[in-house]
Amino acid sequence: MTISIAARCERTGAFGVAISSSSPSVGSRCPNVRAGVGAVSSQNVTDPRLGPALLDALESGLIAQAALDLVSSTATHPEFRQLTVVDATGTAAVYSGAKSLGINAEVIGSNVAAAGNMLANDGVIKAMVNSFEANSDKELADRLIGCLEAGVTAGGEAGPVHSAAVLVATDVAWPSTNLRVDWDDNPIEKLREIYQVWAPQAADYVTRALNPNSAPSYGVPGDE
């Protein structure tokens, strides 16, 4: 059981994905982002190859739906896969195979695609998208974690959730935010707690990579 939301920030052009699951370490397999290219999630019965394949298709010049059509048509066992895509223009697309698990749902909008399987009810995903659209003033990672929280408030997944993650790409070649809770009884709550520690330092870690001489240090010199 999984809920996820992939999105583009209309203010900054950043791309992000937030996701939670009953399985361990969902952040290691499902979300993928690439600066200037897009955000995708590959979930349900996960094939981790599909996320990078979708980003490669977007980077080749395909729009969201065309990239999704290409990857889903060439994937092995596509009937088990659930895929979300947001491209560089903010156009979104979703694919849910015929064997998506339990109550499953998908919603797309401008700059956002969300999907879930084994849901408590079919309104969970719409609540997540509504939260995204209502909070355009927030930093993207904060906004996406809020979408997970809104999904939980609307009923969430059909059983216990154990892992969660948020991944954001800004204007550098690596994800500038990459936060994971791999196993916890309250992973979304824990993810929020980690984000609150991370957020004040996030920009500084980009600066430290690009120009260490101008970056502040936390703790001992040279700490990571």
N, C-alpha and C. Protein backbone atom coordinates (compact mmCIF):
# COMPACT_ATOMS: atom_id res chain seq x y z
N MET A 1 0.85 -1.19 0.00
CA MET A 1 0.00 0.00 0.00
C MET A 1 0.88 1.23 0.00
N THR A 2 0.52 2.18 -0.86
CA THR A 2 1.39 3.34 -1.08
C THR A 2 0.56 4.55 -1.47
N ILE A 3 0.96 5.73 -1.00
CA ILE A 3 0.46 7.00 -1.55
C ILE A 3 1.66 7.83 -1.95
N SER A 4 1.53 8.54 -3.07
CA SER A 4 2.63 9.39 -3.51
C SER A 4 2.10 10.59 -4.26
N ILE A 5 2.94 11.62 -4.32
CA ILE A 5 2.63 12.82 -5.09
C ILE A 5 3.91 13.32 -5.73
N ALA A 6 3.87 13.53 -7.03
CA ALA A 6 4.99 14.10 -7.79
C ALA A 6 4.57 15.47 -8.27
N ALA A 7 5.50 16.44 -8.22
CA ALA A 7 5.07 17.81 -8.50
C ALA A 7 6.21 18.68 -8.98
N ARG A 8 5.82 19.78 -9.60
CA ARG A 8 6.72 20.87 -9.98
C ARG A 8 6.26 22.13 -9.27
N CYS A 9 7.21 22.85 -8.66
CA CYS A 9 6.89 24.13 -8.03
C CYS A 9 6.78 25.20 -9.10
N GLU A 10 5.64 25.81 -9.22
CA GLU A 10 5.42 26.81 -10.27
C GLU A 10 6.19 28.09 -10.02
N ARG A 11 6.62 28.33 -8.78
CA ARG A 11 7.40 29.54 -8.46
C ARG A 11 8.88 29.37 -8.78
N THR A 12 9.44 28.20 -8.45
CA THR A 12 10.88 28.01 -8.52
C THR A 12 11.34 27.06 -9.62
N GLY A 13 10.43 26.24 -10.15
CA GLY A 13 10.81 25.23 -11.12
C GLY A 13 11.40 23.98 -10.50
N ALA A 14 11.42 23.87 -9.18
CA ALA A 14 11.91 22.67 -8.51
C ALA A 14 10.95 21.50 -8.76
N PHE A 15 11.50 20.30 -8.72
CA PHE A 15 10.70 19.08 -8.86
C PHE A 15 10.81 18.26 -7.58
N GLY A 16 9.71 17.61 -7.19
CA GLY A 16 9.75 16.82 -5.98
C GLY A 16 8.76 15.68 -5.97
N VAL A 17 9.04 14.71 -5.11
CA VAL A 17 8.14 13.58 -4.86
C VAL A 17 8.10 13.34 -3.36
N ALA A 18 6.90 13.11 -2.83
CA ALA A 18 6.74 12.62 -1.47
C ALA A 18 5.94 11.33 -1.54
N ILE A 19 6.31 10.37 -0.68
CA ILE A 19 5.73 9.04 -0.78
C ILE A 19 5.74 8.37 0.58
N SER A 20 4.75 7.53 0.84
CA SER A 20 4.74 6.69 2.04
C SER A 20 4.22 5.32 1.68
N SER A 21 4.58 4.32 2.50
CA SER A 21 4.22 2.95 2.16
C SER A 21 4.23 2.07 3.41
N SER A 22 3.53 0.94 3.30
CA SER A 22 3.60 -0.09 4.34
C SER A 22 4.91 -0.85 4.29
N SER A 23 5.59 -0.81 3.16
CA SER A 23 6.85 -1.53 2.97
C SER A 23 8.01 -0.74 3.55
N PRO A 24 9.12 -1.39 3.85
CA PRO A 24 10.30 -0.65 4.30
C PRO A 24 10.98 0.07 3.16
N SER A 25 11.65 1.16 3.49
CA SER A 25 12.59 1.84 2.58
C SER A 25 11.98 2.22 1.23
N VAL A 26 10.75 2.75 1.25
CA VAL A 26 10.11 3.12 -0.01
C VAL A 26 10.91 4.18 -0.76
N GLY A 27 11.60 5.04 -0.04
CA GLY A 27 12.38 6.10 -0.68
C GLY A 27 13.56 5.61 -1.47
N SER A 28 13.99 4.37 -1.24
CA SER A 28 15.12 3.82 -1.98
C SER A 28 14.72 3.25 -3.34
N ARG A 29 13.42 3.07 -3.58
CA ARG A 29 12.97 2.36 -4.79
C ARG A 29 12.06 3.16 -5.70
N CYS A 30 11.25 4.03 -5.15
CA CYS A 30 10.10 4.56 -5.90
C CYS A 30 10.23 5.98 -6.43
N PRO A 31 10.68 6.97 -5.65
CA PRO A 31 10.69 8.35 -6.15
C PRO A 31 11.95 8.66 -6.93
N ASN A 32 11.81 9.47 -7.99
CA ASN A 32 12.94 9.92 -8.79
C ASN A 32 12.69 11.34 -9.26
N VAL A 33 13.72 12.18 -9.19
CA VAL A 33 13.64 13.57 -9.66
C VAL A 33 14.91 13.90 -10.43
N ARG A 34 14.79 14.86 -11.34
CA ARG A 34 15.96 15.32 -12.08
C ARG A 34 15.78 16.80 -12.37
N ALA A 35 16.73 17.61 -11.96
CA ALA A 35 16.63 19.06 -12.12
C ALA A 35 16.41 19.42 -13.58
N GLY A 36 15.43 20.30 -13.83
CA GLY A 36 15.12 20.76 -15.17
C GLY A 36 14.41 19.77 -16.05
N VAL A 37 14.14 18.57 -15.52
CA VAL A 37 13.56 17.49 -16.33
C VAL A 37 12.19 17.06 -15.83
N GLY A 38 12.10 16.64 -14.57
CA GLY A 38 10.80 16.20 -14.09
C GLY A 38 10.87 15.46 -12.78
N ALA A 39 9.70 14.96 -12.36
CA ALA A 39 9.54 14.17 -11.15
C ALA A 39 8.65 12.98 -11.47
N VAL A 40 9.02 11.81 -10.96
CA VAL A 40 8.25 10.60 -11.24
C VAL A 40 8.23 9.71 -10.01
N SER A 41 7.21 8.85 -9.95
CA SER A 41 7.20 7.77 -8.95
C SER A 41 6.80 6.48 -9.64
N SER A 42 7.46 5.40 -9.27
CA SER A 42 7.16 4.05 -9.76
C SER A 42 6.79 3.21 -8.55
N GLN A 43 5.55 2.72 -8.48
CA GLN A 43 5.07 2.09 -7.26
C GLN A 43 4.13 0.93 -7.54
N ASN A 44 3.37 0.51 -6.53
CA ASN A 44 2.49 -0.65 -6.52
C ASN A 44 3.37 -1.89 -6.37
N VAL A 45 3.52 -2.74 -7.35
CA VAL A 45 4.54 -3.79 -7.33
C VAL A 45 5.73 -3.17 -8.07
N THR A 46 6.71 -2.69 -7.31
CA THR A 46 7.66 -1.72 -7.83
C THR A 46 8.72 -2.35 -8.73
N ASP A 47 8.98 -1.70 -9.84
CA ASP A 47 10.15 -1.98 -10.68
C ASP A 47 11.01 -0.72 -10.65
N PRO A 48 12.10 -0.71 -9.88
CA PRO A 48 12.90 0.51 -9.73
C PRO A 48 13.53 1.01 -11.02
N ARG A 49 13.55 0.19 -12.06
CA ARG A 49 14.12 0.64 -13.34
C ARG A 49 13.24 1.67 -14.03
N LEU A 50 11.95 1.69 -13.70
CA LEU A 50 11.01 2.50 -14.48
C LEU A 50 11.14 4.00 -14.18
N GLY A 51 11.47 4.37 -12.95
CA GLY A 51 11.64 5.79 -12.64
C GLY A 51 12.73 6.44 -13.47
N PRO A 52 13.97 5.91 -13.45
CA PRO A 52 15.01 6.48 -14.31
C PRO A 52 14.65 6.43 -15.79
N ALA A 53 13.95 5.38 -16.22
CA ALA A 53 13.56 5.29 -17.63
C ALA A 53 12.60 6.41 -18.00
N LEU A 54 11.69 6.74 -17.10
CA LEU A 54 10.76 7.84 -17.36
C LEU A 54 11.49 9.17 -17.43
N LEU A 55 12.44 9.39 -16.54
CA LEU A 55 13.20 10.64 -16.59
C LEU A 55 14.04 10.73 -17.86
N ASP A 56 14.61 9.62 -18.28
CA ASP A 56 15.38 9.61 -19.54
C ASP A 56 14.48 9.95 -20.72
N ALA A 57 13.26 9.40 -20.70
CA ALA A 57 12.31 9.68 -21.79
C ALA A 57 11.94 11.17 -21.80
N LEU A 58 11.72 11.74 -20.62
CA LEU A 58 11.43 13.17 -20.54
C LEU A 58 12.62 13.98 -21.05
N GLU A 59 13.82 13.60 -20.64
CA GLU A 59 15.00 14.36 -21.02
C GLU A 59 15.27 14.27 -22.52
N SER A 60 14.77 13.21 -23.16
CA SER A 60 14.93 13.07 -24.61
C SER A 60 14.02 14.01 -25.38
N GLY A 61 13.06 14.64 -24.67
CA GLY A 61 12.16 15.59 -25.32
C GLY A 61 10.70 15.20 -25.31
N LEU A 62 10.37 14.02 -24.80
CA LEU A 62 8.97 13.61 -24.74
C LEU A 62 8.24 14.34 -23.64
N ILE A 63 6.96 14.63 -23.87
CA ILE A 63 6.12 15.19 -22.83
C ILE A 63 5.66 14.07 -21.91
N ALA A 64 5.01 14.44 -20.81
CA ALA A 64 4.68 13.47 -19.76
C ALA A 64 3.92 12.26 -20.28
N GLN A 65 2.82 12.49 -21.01
CA GLN A 65 2.01 11.36 -21.45
C GLN A 65 2.76 10.48 -22.44
N ALA A 66 3.53 11.08 -23.33
CA ALA A 66 4.29 10.30 -24.30
C ALA A 66 5.37 9.47 -23.61
N ALA A 67 6.03 10.04 -22.62
CA ALA A 67 7.02 9.30 -21.86
C ALA A 67 6.37 8.12 -21.12
N LEU A 68 5.22 8.38 -20.55
CA LEU A 68 4.49 7.34 -19.83
C LEU A 68 4.05 6.23 -20.77
N ASP A 69 3.54 6.61 -21.93
CA ASP A 69 3.11 5.60 -22.92
C ASP A 69 4.28 4.74 -23.35
N LEU A 70 5.43 5.37 -23.60
CA LEU A 70 6.60 4.63 -24.04
C LEU A 70 7.06 3.64 -22.97
N VAL A 71 7.23 4.11 -21.76
CA VAL A 71 7.78 3.26 -20.70
C VAL A 71 6.80 2.17 -20.30
N SER A 72 5.52 2.51 -20.18
CA SER A 72 4.55 1.48 -19.78
C SER A 72 4.37 0.42 -20.86
N SER A 73 4.53 0.80 -22.12
CA SER A 73 4.36 -0.17 -23.21
C SER A 73 5.54 -1.10 -23.37
N THR A 74 6.70 -0.71 -22.86
CA THR A 74 7.89 -1.54 -22.99
C THR A 74 8.30 -2.20 -21.68
N ALA A 75 7.62 -1.87 -20.57
CA ALA A 75 7.94 -2.44 -19.27
C ALA A 75 7.54 -3.91 -19.21
N THR A 76 8.24 -4.67 -18.37
CA THR A 76 7.81 -6.03 -18.10
C THR A 76 6.69 -6.00 -17.07
N HIS A 77 5.66 -6.78 -17.28
CA HIS A 77 4.52 -6.88 -16.37
C HIS A 77 3.91 -5.52 -16.05
N PRO A 78 3.57 -4.72 -17.06
CA PRO A 78 3.05 -3.38 -16.79
C PRO A 78 1.74 -3.38 -16.03
N GLU A 79 1.01 -4.48 -16.06
CA GLU A 79 -0.27 -4.54 -15.36
C GLU A 79 -0.12 -4.38 -13.85
N PHE A 80 1.08 -4.62 -13.33
CA PHE A 80 1.33 -4.49 -11.90
C PHE A 80 1.84 -3.11 -11.49
N ARG A 81 2.11 -2.26 -12.44
CA ARG A 81 2.82 -1.00 -12.14
C ARG A 81 1.87 0.19 -12.01
N GLN A 82 2.24 1.12 -11.16
CA GLN A 82 1.54 2.40 -11.03
C GLN A 82 2.61 3.48 -11.13
N LEU A 83 2.45 4.40 -12.10
CA LEU A 83 3.48 5.37 -12.44
C LEU A 83 2.89 6.77 -12.47
N THR A 84 3.62 7.74 -11.92
CA THR A 84 3.22 9.14 -12.02
C THR A 84 4.37 9.92 -12.64
N VAL A 85 4.02 10.94 -13.43
CA VAL A 85 5.01 11.74 -14.15
C VAL A 85 4.59 13.20 -14.16
N VAL A 86 5.54 14.10 -13.89
CA VAL A 86 5.36 15.54 -14.12
C VAL A 86 6.56 16.01 -14.92
N ASP A 87 6.31 16.68 -16.04
CA ASP A 87 7.42 17.07 -16.92
C ASP A 87 7.85 18.52 -16.68
N ALA A 88 8.79 19.00 -17.49
CA ALA A 88 9.39 20.31 -17.27
C ALA A 88 8.42 21.47 -17.45
N THR A 89 7.31 21.24 -18.15
CA THR A 89 6.30 22.28 -18.33
C THR A 89 5.22 22.24 -17.26
N GLY A 90 5.27 21.23 -16.38
CA GLY A 90 4.24 21.05 -15.37
C GLY A 90 3.08 20.19 -15.83
N THR A 91 3.17 19.62 -17.04
CA THR A 91 2.15 18.70 -17.51
C THR A 91 2.32 17.36 -16.80
N ALA A 92 1.21 16.74 -16.42
CA ALA A 92 1.25 15.53 -15.61
C ALA A 92 0.51 14.37 -16.28
N ALA A 93 0.91 13.16 -15.91
CA ALA A 93 0.25 11.96 -16.40
C ALA A 93 0.40 10.86 -15.37
N VAL A 94 -0.55 9.91 -15.37
CA VAL A 94 -0.54 8.78 -14.44
C VAL A 94 -0.93 7.52 -15.19
N TYR A 95 -0.28 6.42 -14.83
CA TYR A 95 -0.63 5.10 -15.35
C TYR A 95 -0.87 4.16 -14.17
N SER A 96 -2.02 3.50 -14.13
CA SER A 96 -2.31 2.49 -13.13
C SER A 96 -2.66 1.20 -13.87
N GLY A 97 -1.80 0.18 -13.72
CA GLY A 97 -2.04 -1.08 -14.38
C GLY A 97 -3.28 -1.79 -13.85
N ALA A 98 -3.78 -2.74 -14.62
CA ALA A 98 -5.02 -3.43 -14.27
C ALA A 98 -4.92 -4.18 -12.95
N LYS A 99 -3.71 -4.52 -12.51
CA LYS A 99 -3.53 -5.24 -11.27
C LYS A 99 -3.01 -4.35 -10.15
N SER A 100 -3.27 -3.04 -10.24
CA SER A 100 -2.99 -2.16 -9.11
C SER A 100 -3.80 -2.64 -7.90
N LEU A 101 -3.21 -2.61 -6.74
CA LEU A 101 -3.75 -3.31 -5.59
C LEU A 101 -4.88 -2.55 -4.89
N GLY A 102 -5.87 -3.30 -4.44
CA GLY A 102 -6.91 -2.78 -3.57
C GLY A 102 -7.66 -1.59 -4.15
N ILE A 103 -8.14 -0.72 -3.25
CA ILE A 103 -8.72 0.54 -3.70
C ILE A 103 -7.56 1.40 -4.20
N ASN A 104 -7.58 1.75 -5.48
CA ASN A 104 -6.52 2.58 -6.03
C ASN A 104 -7.14 3.78 -6.72
N ALA A 105 -6.39 4.87 -6.76
CA ALA A 105 -6.91 6.11 -7.32
C ALA A 105 -5.75 6.94 -7.85
N GLU A 106 -6.09 7.86 -8.74
CA GLU A 106 -5.09 8.75 -9.33
C GLU A 106 -5.75 10.08 -9.65
N VAL A 107 -4.99 11.16 -9.50
CA VAL A 107 -5.47 12.50 -9.80
C VAL A 107 -4.32 13.28 -10.42
N ILE A 108 -4.59 14.02 -11.50
CA ILE A 108 -3.59 14.91 -12.06
C ILE A 108 -4.14 16.33 -12.08
N GLY A 109 -3.22 17.28 -12.08
CA GLY A 109 -3.56 18.67 -12.19
C GLY A 109 -2.39 19.42 -12.80
N SER A 110 -2.47 20.72 -12.80
CA SER A 110 -1.35 21.51 -13.28
C SER A 110 -0.18 21.38 -12.31
N ASN A 111 0.95 20.88 -12.77
CA ASN A 111 2.17 20.70 -11.98
C ASN A 111 2.10 19.57 -10.97
N VAL A 112 1.12 18.68 -11.04
CA VAL A 112 1.02 17.66 -9.99
C VAL A 112 0.36 16.38 -10.51
N ALA A 113 0.88 15.25 -10.03
CA ALA A 113 0.29 13.94 -10.29
C ALA A 113 0.38 13.14 -9.00
N ALA A 114 -0.72 12.55 -8.58
CA ALA A 114 -0.73 11.76 -7.35
C ALA A 114 -1.46 10.46 -7.60
N ALA A 115 -1.04 9.42 -6.88
CA ALA A 115 -1.65 8.11 -7.04
C ALA A 115 -1.45 7.29 -5.77
N GLY A 116 -2.29 6.28 -5.61
CA GLY A 116 -2.15 5.40 -4.46
C GLY A 116 -2.83 4.08 -4.70
N ASN A 117 -2.45 3.10 -3.91
CA ASN A 117 -3.06 1.78 -3.97
C ASN A 117 -3.26 1.25 -2.56
N MET A 118 -4.19 0.32 -2.43
CA MET A 118 -4.59 -0.20 -1.12
C MET A 118 -4.93 0.94 -0.17
N LEU A 119 -5.81 1.82 -0.66
CA LEU A 119 -6.22 3.00 0.08
C LEU A 119 -7.39 2.70 1.01
N ALA A 120 -7.54 3.53 2.04
CA ALA A 120 -8.71 3.41 2.90
C ALA A 120 -9.98 3.81 2.17
N ASN A 121 -9.87 4.78 1.25
CA ASN A 121 -11.00 5.20 0.44
C ASN A 121 -10.47 5.92 -0.80
N ASP A 122 -11.33 6.12 -1.78
CA ASP A 122 -10.87 6.68 -3.05
C ASP A 122 -10.78 8.21 -3.04
N GLY A 123 -11.03 8.85 -1.89
CA GLY A 123 -10.87 10.29 -1.78
C GLY A 123 -9.52 10.75 -1.27
N VAL A 124 -8.68 9.79 -0.88
CA VAL A 124 -7.39 10.12 -0.27
C VAL A 124 -6.50 10.91 -1.24
N ILE A 125 -6.45 10.47 -2.48
CA ILE A 125 -5.53 11.09 -3.44
C ILE A 125 -6.00 12.50 -3.81
N LYS A 126 -7.29 12.69 -3.94
CA LYS A 126 -7.81 14.02 -4.22
C LYS A 126 -7.49 14.98 -3.09
N ALA A 127 -7.55 14.51 -1.85
CA ALA A 127 -7.21 15.36 -0.71
C ALA A 127 -5.75 15.80 -0.77
N MET A 128 -4.88 14.92 -1.23
CA MET A 128 -3.46 15.27 -1.36
C MET A 128 -3.26 16.35 -2.41
N VAL A 129 -3.92 16.22 -3.55
CA VAL A 129 -3.80 17.22 -4.61
C VAL A 129 -4.41 18.55 -4.16
N ASN A 130 -5.54 18.49 -3.47
CA ASN A 130 -6.13 19.72 -2.94
C ASN A 130 -5.16 20.45 -2.02
N SER A 131 -4.45 19.70 -1.18
CA SER A 131 -3.47 20.31 -0.29
C SER A 131 -2.35 20.95 -1.08
N PHE A 132 -1.86 20.28 -2.12
CA PHE A 132 -0.80 20.84 -2.95
C PHE A 132 -1.25 22.17 -3.56
N GLU A 133 -2.44 22.19 -4.10
CA GLU A 133 -2.93 23.39 -4.78
C GLU A 133 -3.20 24.54 -3.82
N ALA A 134 -3.48 24.22 -2.56
CA ALA A 134 -3.81 25.26 -1.58
C ALA A 134 -2.59 25.86 -0.89
N ASN A 135 -1.40 25.33 -1.17
CA ASN A 135 -0.22 25.75 -0.41
C ASN A 135 0.94 26.13 -1.32
N SER A 136 0.64 26.91 -2.35
CA SER A 136 1.66 27.26 -3.34
C SER A 136 2.74 28.19 -2.80
N ASP A 137 2.52 28.79 -1.63
CA ASP A 137 3.51 29.69 -1.05
C ASP A 137 4.61 28.95 -0.29
N LYS A 138 4.44 27.67 -0.04
CA LYS A 138 5.40 26.93 0.78
C LYS A 138 6.54 26.38 -0.06
N GLU A 139 7.69 26.17 0.60
CA GLU A 139 8.81 25.48 -0.03
C GLU A 139 8.36 24.08 -0.42
N LEU A 140 8.87 23.55 -1.55
CA LEU A 140 8.27 22.36 -2.15
C LEU A 140 8.30 21.15 -1.23
N ALA A 141 9.41 20.87 -0.56
CA ALA A 141 9.46 19.70 0.32
C ALA A 141 8.43 19.81 1.44
N ASP A 142 8.32 20.98 2.04
CA ASP A 142 7.33 21.25 3.08
C ASP A 142 5.93 21.01 2.54
N ARG A 143 5.69 21.52 1.37
CA ARG A 143 4.37 21.40 0.72
C ARG A 143 4.02 19.94 0.47
N LEU A 144 5.00 19.15 0.01
CA LEU A 144 4.74 17.76 -0.33
C LEU A 144 4.53 16.89 0.91
N ILE A 145 5.30 17.16 1.97
CA ILE A 145 5.04 16.45 3.22
C ILE A 145 3.64 16.76 3.73
N GLY A 146 3.22 18.01 3.56
CA GLY A 146 1.86 18.38 3.92
C GLY A 146 0.82 17.60 3.14
N CYS A 147 1.13 17.27 1.89
CA CYS A 147 0.21 16.46 1.09
C CYS A 147 0.07 15.05 1.66
N LEU A 148 1.17 14.47 2.11
CA LEU A 148 1.08 13.16 2.78
C LEU A 148 0.22 13.27 4.03
N GLU A 149 0.41 14.33 4.80
CA GLU A 149 -0.37 14.53 6.02
C GLU A 149 -1.85 14.69 5.69
N ALA A 150 -2.15 15.40 4.59
CA ALA A 150 -3.55 15.56 4.18
C ALA A 150 -4.15 14.22 3.75
N GLY A 151 -3.34 13.39 3.10
CA GLY A 151 -3.81 12.06 2.72
C GLY A 151 -4.15 11.21 3.92
N VAL A 152 -3.32 11.29 4.95
CA VAL A 152 -3.60 10.54 6.18
C VAL A 152 -4.88 11.04 6.83
N THR A 153 -5.06 12.35 6.88
CA THR A 153 -6.27 12.92 7.46
C THR A 153 -7.52 12.46 6.72
N ALA A 154 -7.40 12.26 5.41
CA ALA A 154 -8.53 11.81 4.60
C ALA A 154 -8.77 10.31 4.68
N GLY A 155 -7.94 9.60 5.42
CA GLY A 155 -8.12 8.16 5.57
C GLY A 155 -6.86 7.36 5.34
N GLY A 156 -6.00 7.88 4.48
CA GLY A 156 -4.71 7.26 4.27
C GLY A 156 -4.77 5.89 3.64
N GLU A 157 -3.80 5.09 3.99
CA GLU A 157 -3.69 3.76 3.44
C GLU A 157 -4.51 2.78 4.27
N ALA A 158 -4.75 1.59 3.72
CA ALA A 158 -5.67 0.65 4.35
C ALA A 158 -5.09 -0.03 5.59
N GLY A 159 -3.78 0.06 5.78
CA GLY A 159 -3.15 -0.58 6.92
C GLY A 159 -1.99 0.25 7.42
N PRO A 160 -1.20 -0.31 8.32
CA PRO A 160 -0.09 0.45 8.91
C PRO A 160 0.94 0.89 7.87
N VAL A 161 1.47 2.09 8.07
CA VAL A 161 2.50 2.66 7.20
C VAL A 161 3.83 2.61 7.94
N HIS A 162 4.91 2.26 7.23
CA HIS A 162 6.20 2.08 7.90
C HIS A 162 7.34 2.89 7.32
N SER A 163 7.20 3.44 6.12
CA SER A 163 8.31 4.23 5.56
C SER A 163 7.74 5.42 4.79
N ALA A 164 8.58 6.45 4.65
CA ALA A 164 8.18 7.65 3.94
C ALA A 164 9.43 8.37 3.46
N ALA A 165 9.26 9.22 2.44
CA ALA A 165 10.40 9.94 1.89
C ALA A 165 9.93 11.19 1.18
N VAL A 166 10.84 12.16 1.08
CA VAL A 166 10.62 13.34 0.23
C VAL A 166 11.93 13.62 -0.49
N LEU A 167 11.81 13.90 -1.78
CA LEU A 167 12.96 14.08 -2.66
C LEU A 167 12.70 15.30 -3.52
N VAL A 168 13.65 16.25 -3.55
CA VAL A 168 13.47 17.49 -4.30
C VAL A 168 14.73 17.80 -5.10
N ALA A 169 14.56 18.16 -6.36
CA ALA A 169 15.64 18.64 -7.21
C ALA A 169 15.41 20.11 -7.53
N THR A 170 16.45 20.92 -7.35
CA THR A 170 16.32 22.35 -7.62
C THR A 170 17.10 22.69 -8.89
N ASP A 171 18.26 23.31 -8.75
CA ASP A 171 19.02 23.71 -9.94
C ASP A 171 20.43 23.14 -9.94
N VAL A 172 20.65 22.08 -9.17
CA VAL A 172 21.94 21.40 -9.18
C VAL A 172 21.74 19.95 -9.60
N ALA A 173 22.84 19.25 -9.87
CA ALA A 173 22.76 17.94 -10.50
C ALA A 173 22.35 16.83 -9.55
N TRP A 174 22.25 17.12 -8.27
CA TRP A 174 21.85 16.12 -7.28
C TRP A 174 20.59 16.60 -6.56
N PRO A 175 19.83 15.70 -5.95
CA PRO A 175 18.68 16.14 -5.17
C PRO A 175 19.14 17.01 -4.00
N SER A 176 18.64 18.21 -3.93
CA SER A 176 19.05 19.12 -2.86
C SER A 176 18.36 18.80 -1.54
N THR A 177 17.26 18.08 -1.59
CA THR A 177 16.63 17.50 -0.39
C THR A 177 16.34 16.03 -0.68
N ASN A 178 16.81 15.17 0.19
CA ASN A 178 16.62 13.72 0.02
C ASN A 178 16.51 13.12 1.41
N LEU A 179 15.28 13.10 1.94
CA LEU A 179 15.03 12.68 3.32
C LEU A 179 14.21 11.40 3.32
N ARG A 180 14.64 10.43 4.15
CA ARG A 180 13.97 9.13 4.18
C ARG A 180 13.77 8.65 5.60
N VAL A 181 12.63 8.02 5.82
CA VAL A 181 12.38 7.23 7.02
C VAL A 181 12.16 5.81 6.53
N ASP A 182 13.09 4.93 6.81
CA ASP A 182 13.04 3.59 6.23
C ASP A 182 12.19 2.60 7.01
N TRP A 183 12.01 2.83 8.33
CA TRP A 183 11.15 1.94 9.11
C TRP A 183 10.80 2.63 10.42
N ASP A 184 9.52 2.91 10.62
CA ASP A 184 9.07 3.59 11.83
C ASP A 184 7.56 3.37 11.95
N ASP A 185 7.06 3.41 13.17
CA ASP A 185 5.62 3.25 13.37
C ASP A 185 4.83 4.48 12.92
N ASN A 186 5.50 5.65 12.86
CA ASN A 186 4.86 6.89 12.43
C ASN A 186 5.78 7.61 11.44
N PRO A 187 5.98 7.03 10.25
CA PRO A 187 7.03 7.55 9.37
C PRO A 187 6.76 8.94 8.82
N ILE A 188 5.51 9.30 8.57
CA ILE A 188 5.24 10.64 8.04
C ILE A 188 5.49 11.69 9.12
N GLU A 189 5.10 11.39 10.34
CA GLU A 189 5.40 12.29 11.45
C GLU A 189 6.90 12.43 11.64
N LYS A 190 7.62 11.33 11.53
CA LYS A 190 9.07 11.36 11.66
C LYS A 190 9.71 12.13 10.51
N LEU A 191 9.17 11.96 9.30
CA LEU A 191 9.69 12.70 8.15
C LEU A 191 9.53 14.20 8.36
N ARG A 192 8.41 14.63 8.88
CA ARG A 192 8.19 16.04 9.19
C ARG A 192 9.24 16.52 10.20
N GLU A 193 9.50 15.73 11.22
CA GLU A 193 10.49 16.11 12.23
C GLU A 193 11.88 16.26 11.62
N ILE A 194 12.27 15.34 10.76
CA ILE A 194 13.57 15.42 10.09
C ILE A 194 13.64 16.64 9.19
N TYR A 195 12.55 16.90 8.47
CA TYR A 195 12.52 18.08 7.59
C TYR A 195 12.73 19.37 8.38
N GLN A 196 12.13 19.46 9.54
CA GLN A 196 12.25 20.68 10.33
C GLN A 196 13.70 20.92 10.78
N VAL A 197 14.45 19.84 10.97
CA VAL A 197 15.88 19.98 11.27
C VAL A 197 16.65 20.36 10.00
N TRP A 198 16.29 19.73 8.90
CA TRP A 198 17.02 19.90 7.64
C TRP A 198 16.78 21.26 6.98
N ALA A 199 15.56 21.74 6.98
CA ALA A 199 15.18 22.89 6.16
C ALA A 199 16.05 24.12 6.37
N PRO A 200 16.39 24.51 7.61
CA PRO A 200 17.21 25.72 7.77
C PRO A 200 18.62 25.58 7.21
N GLN A 201 19.08 24.35 6.97
CA GLN A 201 20.43 24.12 6.50
C GLN A 201 20.50 23.72 5.03
N ALA A 202 19.37 23.46 4.40
CA ALA A 202 19.36 22.85 3.06
C ALA A 202 20.15 23.68 2.05
N ALA A 203 19.90 24.96 1.97
CA ALA A 203 20.60 25.81 1.00
C ALA A 203 22.09 25.87 1.27
N ASP A 204 22.45 25.83 2.54
CA ASP A 204 23.87 25.90 2.90
C ASP A 204 24.65 24.69 2.41
N TYR A 205 23.99 23.53 2.39
CA TYR A 205 24.70 22.34 1.92
C TYR A 205 24.93 22.39 0.40
N VAL A 206 24.06 23.05 -0.32
CA VAL A 206 24.33 23.29 -1.74
C VAL A 206 25.51 24.23 -1.89
N THR A 207 25.52 25.31 -1.11
CA THR A 207 26.63 26.26 -1.16
C THR A 207 27.96 25.59 -0.81
N ARG A 208 27.94 24.73 0.18
CA ARG A 208 29.17 24.05 0.59
C ARG A 208 29.73 23.18 -0.53
N ALA A 209 28.84 22.61 -1.34
CA ALA A 209 29.30 21.79 -2.45
C ALA A 209 29.89 22.65 -3.56
N LEU A 210 29.24 23.79 -3.84
CA LEU A 210 29.65 24.62 -4.97
C LEU A 210 30.79 25.57 -4.62
N ASN A 211 30.79 26.10 -3.41
CA ASN A 211 31.80 27.08 -3.01
C ASN A 211 32.04 26.98 -1.51
N PRO A 212 32.85 26.01 -1.08
CA PRO A 212 33.03 25.77 0.36
C PRO A 212 33.53 26.99 1.13
N ASN A 213 34.29 27.87 0.48
CA ASN A 213 34.84 29.03 1.19
C ASN A 213 33.77 29.99 1.67
N SER A 214 32.59 29.97 1.03
CA SER A 214 31.55 30.93 1.41
C SER A 214 30.45 30.30 2.25
N ALA A 215 30.60 29.02 2.61
CA ALA A 215 29.52 28.32 3.28
C ALA A 215 29.72 28.30 4.79
N PRO A 216 28.64 28.40 5.56
CA PRO A 216 28.75 28.26 7.01
C PRO A 216 29.03 26.82 7.39
N SER A 217 29.59 26.62 8.56
CA SER A 217 29.88 25.28 9.06
C SER A 217 29.00 25.01 10.27
N TYR A 218 28.49 23.79 10.33
CA TYR A 218 27.69 23.35 11.47
C TYR A 218 28.52 22.32 12.24
N GLY A 219 28.70 22.51 13.52
CA GLY A 219 29.51 21.58 14.28
C GLY A 219 30.98 21.80 14.02
N VAL A 220 31.72 20.71 13.87
CA VAL A 220 33.16 20.83 13.68
C VAL A 220 33.47 21.16 12.22
N PRO A 221 34.60 21.83 11.95
CA PRO A 221 34.97 22.15 10.58
C PRO A 221 35.05 20.90 9.72
N GLY A 222 34.49 21.00 8.53
CA GLY A 222 34.54 19.89 7.60
C GLY A 222 33.46 18.84 7.82
N ASP A 223 32.54 19.05 8.79
CA ASP A 223 31.50 18.06 8.99
C ASP A 223 30.56 18.02 7.81
N GLU A 224 29.88 16.89 7.64
CA GLU A 224 28.98 16.72 6.50
C GLU A 224 27.53 16.87 6.92
